[in-house]
């Protein structure tokens, strides 16, 4: 399991998140933390993970400004 803090990327974290998932081993679980702002990134990150063929295992509010998602890499 790997943990990645993407808060420093603000709303421009999607590409980096997918890059990190793609570089991990099949069935590897990764935890990502990012800033949510107006909650748009929550749905957009879930959509990006699904479209890439991976599994969103969990999505939860970490604190007042941050969100955490747990992703399992799918087979390609």
C-alpha atoms as a PDB file:
ATOM      1  CA  UNK A   1       0.000   0.000   0.000  1.00  0.00           C
ATOM      2  CA  UNK A   2       1.270   3.423  -0.933  1.00  0.00           C
ATOM      3  CA  UNK A   3       0.188   6.836   0.329  1.00  0.00           C
ATOM      4  CA  UNK A   4       0.440   9.920  -1.877  1.00  0.00           C
ATOM      5  CA  UNK A   5      -0.104  13.496  -0.735  1.00  0.00           C
ATOM      6  CA  UNK A   6      -1.289  15.523  -3.736  1.00  0.00           C
ATOM      7  CA  UNK A   7      -2.481  18.592  -1.806  1.00  0.00           C
ATOM      8  CA  UNK A   8       0.369  20.718  -3.149  1.00  0.00           C
ATOM      9  CA  UNK A   9      -1.047  20.295  -6.692  1.00  0.00           C
ATOM     10  CA  UNK A  10      -4.366  21.966  -5.734  1.00  0.00           C
ATOM     11  CA  UNK A  11      -6.974  21.164  -8.469  1.00  0.00           C
ATOM     12  CA  UNK A  12      -4.350  19.935 -10.931  1.00  0.00           C
ATOM     13  CA  UNK A  13      -3.726  16.511  -9.356  1.00  0.00           C
ATOM     14  CA  UNK A  14      -5.675  14.170 -11.683  1.00  0.00           C
ATOM     15  CA  UNK A  15      -2.848  13.455 -14.120  1.00  0.00           C
ATOM     16  CA  UNK A  16      -0.355  12.796 -11.345  1.00  0.00           C
ATOM     17  CA  UNK A  17      -2.836  10.566  -9.505  1.00  0.00           C
ATOM     18  CA  UNK A  18      -3.399   8.410 -12.604  1.00  0.00           C
ATOM     19  CA  UNK A  19       0.341   8.337 -13.326  1.00  0.00           C
ATOM     20  CA  UNK A  20       1.008   6.991  -9.825  1.00  0.00           C
ATOM     21  CA  UNK A  21      -1.718   4.349 -10.113  1.00  0.00           C
ATOM     22  CA  UNK A  22      -0.462   3.248 -13.542  1.00  0.00           C
ATOM     23  CA  UNK A  23       3.117   2.923 -12.256  1.00  0.00           C
ATOM     24  CA  UNK A  24       2.060   0.620  -9.406  1.00  0.00           C
ATOM     25  CA  UNK A  25       1.694  -3.152  -9.589  1.00  0.00           C
ATOM     26  CA  UNK A  26      -1.626  -4.770 -10.537  1.00  0.00           C
ATOM     27  CA  UNK A  27      -3.891  -5.066  -7.482  1.00  0.00           C
ATOM     28  CA  UNK A  28      -1.720  -2.537  -5.589  1.00  0.00           C
ATOM     29  CA  UNK A  29      -3.722  -0.274  -3.277  1.00  0.00           C
ATOM     30  CA  UNK A  30      -2.888   3.425  -3.143  1.00  0.00           C
ATOM     31  CA  UNK A  31      -4.185   6.152  -0.858  1.00  0.00           C
ATOM     32  CA  UNK A  32      -4.411   9.691  -2.224  1.00  0.00           C
ATOM     33  CA  UNK A  33      -5.066  12.880  -0.308  1.00  0.00           C
ATOM     34  CA  UNK A  34      -6.033  16.095  -2.097  1.00  0.00           C
ATOM     35  CA  UNK A  35      -7.771  19.424  -1.445  1.00  0.00           C
ATOM     36  CA  UNK A  36     -11.499  19.434  -2.199  1.00  0.00           C
ATOM     37  CA  UNK A  37     -12.423  23.102  -2.468  1.00  0.00           C
ATOM     38  CA  UNK A  38     -15.989  23.009  -3.855  1.00  0.00           C
ATOM     39  CA  UNK A  39     -16.278  19.172  -3.924  1.00  0.00           C
ATOM     40  CA  UNK A  40     -15.894  19.026  -7.733  1.00  0.00           C
ATOM     41  CA  UNK A  41     -12.565  17.160  -7.398  1.00  0.00           C
ATOM     42  CA  UNK A  42     -14.296  14.368  -5.458  1.00  0.00           C
ATOM     43  CA  UNK A  43     -16.546  13.318  -8.347  1.00  0.00           C
ATOM     44  CA  UNK A  44     -13.937  14.111 -10.984  1.00  0.00           C
ATOM     45  CA  UNK A  45     -11.348  11.879  -9.274  1.00  0.00           C
ATOM     46  CA  UNK A  46     -13.866   9.032  -8.950  1.00  0.00           C
ATOM     47  CA  UNK A  47     -14.742   9.346 -12.640  1.00  0.00           C
ATOM     48  CA  UNK A  48     -11.063   9.430 -13.663  1.00  0.00           C
ATOM     49  CA  UNK A  49     -10.311   6.265 -11.670  1.00  0.00           C
ATOM     50  CA  UNK A  50     -13.296   4.408 -13.128  1.00  0.00           C
ATOM     51  CA  UNK A  51     -12.530   5.492 -16.708  1.00  0.00           C
ATOM     52  CA  UNK A  52      -8.941   4.267 -16.306  1.00  0.00           C
ATOM     53  CA  UNK A  53     -10.209   0.805 -15.291  1.00  0.00           C
ATOM     54  CA  UNK A  54      -9.294   0.921 -11.620  1.00  0.00           C
ATOM     55  CA  UNK A  55     -11.420   0.406  -8.488  1.00  0.00           C
ATOM     56  CA  UNK A  56     -12.318   3.201  -6.098  1.00  0.00           C
ATOM     57  CA  UNK A  57     -12.416   1.347  -2.790  1.00  0.00           C
ATOM     58  CA  UNK A  58     -13.123   4.246  -0.444  1.00  0.00           C
ATOM     59  CA  UNK A  59     -13.676   7.981  -0.529  1.00  0.00           C
ATOM     60  CA  UNK A  60     -13.929  10.086   2.609  1.00  0.00           C
ATOM     61  CA  UNK A  61     -13.472  13.529   4.006  1.00  0.00           C
ATOM     62  CA  UNK A  62     -10.120  13.730   5.810  1.00  0.00           C
ATOM     63  CA  UNK A  63     -10.636  17.120   7.445  1.00  0.00           C
ATOM     64  CA  UNK A  64     -12.280  20.459   6.581  1.00  0.00           C
ATOM     65  CA  UNK A  65     -10.328  20.984   3.336  1.00  0.00           C
ATOM     66  CA  UNK A  66      -8.887  17.602   2.350  1.00  0.00           C
ATOM     67  CA  UNK A  67     -10.312  14.414   0.872  1.00  0.00           C
ATOM     68  CA  UNK A  68      -8.864  10.892   0.797  1.00  0.00           C
ATOM     69  CA  UNK A  69      -9.531   8.169  -1.751  1.00  0.00           C
ATOM     70  CA  UNK A  70      -8.335   4.570  -1.770  1.00  0.00           C
ATOM     71  CA  UNK A  71      -7.705   3.074  -5.218  1.00  0.00           C
ATOM     72  CA  UNK A  72      -6.922  -0.473  -6.299  1.00  0.00           C
ATOM     73  CA  UNK A  73      -5.122  -0.770  -9.617  1.00  0.00           C
ATOM     74  CA  UNK A  74      -6.987  -2.875 -12.147  1.00  0.00           C
ATOM     75  CA  UNK A  75      -5.518  -5.165 -14.786  1.00  0.00           C
ATOM     76  CA  UNK A  76      -4.611  -3.767 -18.171  1.00  0.00           C
END
